[in-house]
């Protein structure tokens, strides 16, 4: 029986949007660094999680089986 790979192979690390989203995460960390300490567990974490979510959705979308599934990410 021949083994087939069900996942589409996409070099997501070469995508412009992947590179831009990584830069966006770093920018968010830099910008939120000087925020007041009382925002540490509220606004700062929310901004950072949102930026990271974009980046991770790109990676996850590239590993999906079909074009339709990739479009959801």
C-alpha atoms as a PDB file:
ATOM      1  CA  UNK A   1       0.000   0.000   0.000  1.00  0.00           C
ATOM      2  CA  UNK A   2       1.353   3.353  -1.031  1.00  0.00           C
ATOM      3  CA  UNK A   3       1.546   5.987   1.693  1.00  0.00           C
ATOM      4  CA  UNK A   4       0.214   9.379   0.679  1.00  0.00           C
ATOM      5  CA  UNK A   5       0.629  12.631   2.474  1.00  0.00           C
ATOM      6  CA  UNK A   6      -2.779  14.159   3.093  1.00  0.00           C
ATOM      7  CA  UNK A   7      -1.400  17.602   3.825  1.00  0.00           C
ATOM      8  CA  UNK A   8      -0.521  20.208   1.258  1.00  0.00           C
ATOM      9  CA  UNK A   9       3.087  21.266   1.464  1.00  0.00           C
ATOM     10  CA  UNK A  10       3.393  25.012   1.577  1.00  0.00           C
ATOM     11  CA  UNK A  11       6.611  26.757   2.549  1.00  0.00           C
ATOM     12  CA  UNK A  12       4.872  29.160   4.902  1.00  0.00           C
ATOM     13  CA  UNK A  13       8.187  30.525   6.149  1.00  0.00           C
ATOM     14  CA  UNK A  14       8.733  31.967   2.674  1.00  0.00           C
ATOM     15  CA  UNK A  15       5.376  33.772   2.538  1.00  0.00           C
ATOM     16  CA  UNK A  16       5.524  37.566   2.816  1.00  0.00           C
ATOM     17  CA  UNK A  17       2.573  37.567   5.209  1.00  0.00           C
ATOM     18  CA  UNK A  18       4.371  35.126   7.532  1.00  0.00           C
ATOM     19  CA  UNK A  19       7.426  37.371   7.659  1.00  0.00           C
ATOM     20  CA  UNK A  20       5.300  40.501   8.168  1.00  0.00           C
ATOM     21  CA  UNK A  21       3.265  38.859  10.943  1.00  0.00           C
ATOM     22  CA  UNK A  22       6.480  37.915  12.749  1.00  0.00           C
ATOM     23  CA  UNK A  23       7.658  41.526  12.534  1.00  0.00           C
ATOM     24  CA  UNK A  24       4.232  42.618  13.778  1.00  0.00           C
ATOM     25  CA  UNK A  25       4.590  40.443  16.894  1.00  0.00           C
ATOM     26  CA  UNK A  26       7.971  41.969  17.668  1.00  0.00           C
ATOM     27  CA  UNK A  27       6.562  45.460  17.144  1.00  0.00           C
ATOM     28  CA  UNK A  28       3.641  44.729  19.480  1.00  0.00           C
ATOM     29  CA  UNK A  29       6.036  43.583  22.203  1.00  0.00           C
ATOM     30  CA  UNK A  30       8.175  46.680  21.718  1.00  0.00           C
ATOM     31  CA  UNK A  31       5.185  49.063  21.760  1.00  0.00           C
ATOM     32  CA  UNK A  32       3.497  47.461  24.778  1.00  0.00           C
ATOM     33  CA  UNK A  33       6.720  47.252  26.801  1.00  0.00           C
ATOM     34  CA  UNK A  34       6.454  50.763  28.265  1.00  0.00           C
ATOM     35  CA  UNK A  35       2.732  50.459  29.059  1.00  0.00           C
ATOM     36  CA  UNK A  36       1.814  50.978  32.726  1.00  0.00           C
ATOM     37  CA  UNK A  37       2.206  47.922  34.951  1.00  0.00           C
ATOM     38  CA  UNK A  38      -1.513  47.942  35.806  1.00  0.00           C
ATOM     39  CA  UNK A  39      -2.176  46.998  32.170  1.00  0.00           C
ATOM     40  CA  UNK A  40       0.121  43.969  32.370  1.00  0.00           C
ATOM     41  CA  UNK A  41      -2.672  41.392  32.584  1.00  0.00           C
ATOM     42  CA  UNK A  42      -5.266  43.250  30.572  1.00  0.00           C
ATOM     43  CA  UNK A  43      -4.468  45.304  27.523  1.00  0.00           C
ATOM     44  CA  UNK A  44      -0.830  44.234  27.089  1.00  0.00           C
ATOM     45  CA  UNK A  45      -1.599  40.522  27.113  1.00  0.00           C
ATOM     46  CA  UNK A  46      -4.592  40.949  24.836  1.00  0.00           C
ATOM     47  CA  UNK A  47      -2.556  42.834  22.221  1.00  0.00           C
ATOM     48  CA  UNK A  48       0.276  40.329  22.342  1.00  0.00           C
ATOM     49  CA  UNK A  49      -2.030  37.292  22.132  1.00  0.00           C
ATOM     50  CA  UNK A  50      -3.888  38.789  19.174  1.00  0.00           C
ATOM     51  CA  UNK A  51      -0.647  39.419  17.255  1.00  0.00           C
ATOM     52  CA  UNK A  52       0.580  35.899  17.981  1.00  0.00           C
ATOM     53  CA  UNK A  53      -2.768  34.442  16.933  1.00  0.00           C
ATOM     54  CA  UNK A  54      -2.439  35.954  13.447  1.00  0.00           C
ATOM     55  CA  UNK A  55       1.020  34.450  13.057  1.00  0.00           C
ATOM     56  CA  UNK A  56      -0.038  30.998  14.266  1.00  0.00           C
ATOM     57  CA  UNK A  57      -3.168  30.946  12.096  1.00  0.00           C
ATOM     58  CA  UNK A  58      -0.968  31.407   9.025  1.00  0.00           C
ATOM     59  CA  UNK A  59       1.108  28.384  10.022  1.00  0.00           C
ATOM     60  CA  UNK A  60      -1.941  26.282  10.832  1.00  0.00           C
ATOM     61  CA  UNK A  61      -3.695  27.272   7.621  1.00  0.00           C
ATOM     62  CA  UNK A  62      -0.710  26.175   5.561  1.00  0.00           C
ATOM     63  CA  UNK A  63      -0.937  22.680   7.025  1.00  0.00           C
ATOM     64  CA  UNK A  64      -4.583  22.120   6.071  1.00  0.00           C
ATOM     65  CA  UNK A  65      -5.650  19.404   3.672  1.00  0.00           C
ATOM     66  CA  UNK A  66      -7.608  21.448   1.165  1.00  0.00           C
ATOM     67  CA  UNK A  67      -7.717  24.921  -0.303  1.00  0.00           C
ATOM     68  CA  UNK A  68     -11.144  25.499   1.271  1.00  0.00           C
ATOM     69  CA  UNK A  69      -9.797  24.669   4.720  1.00  0.00           C
ATOM     70  CA  UNK A  70      -6.752  26.899   4.195  1.00  0.00           C
ATOM     71  CA  UNK A  71      -8.985  29.840   3.282  1.00  0.00           C
ATOM     72  CA  UNK A  72     -10.622  29.644   6.719  1.00  0.00           C
ATOM     73  CA  UNK A  73      -7.299  30.479   8.305  1.00  0.00           C
END
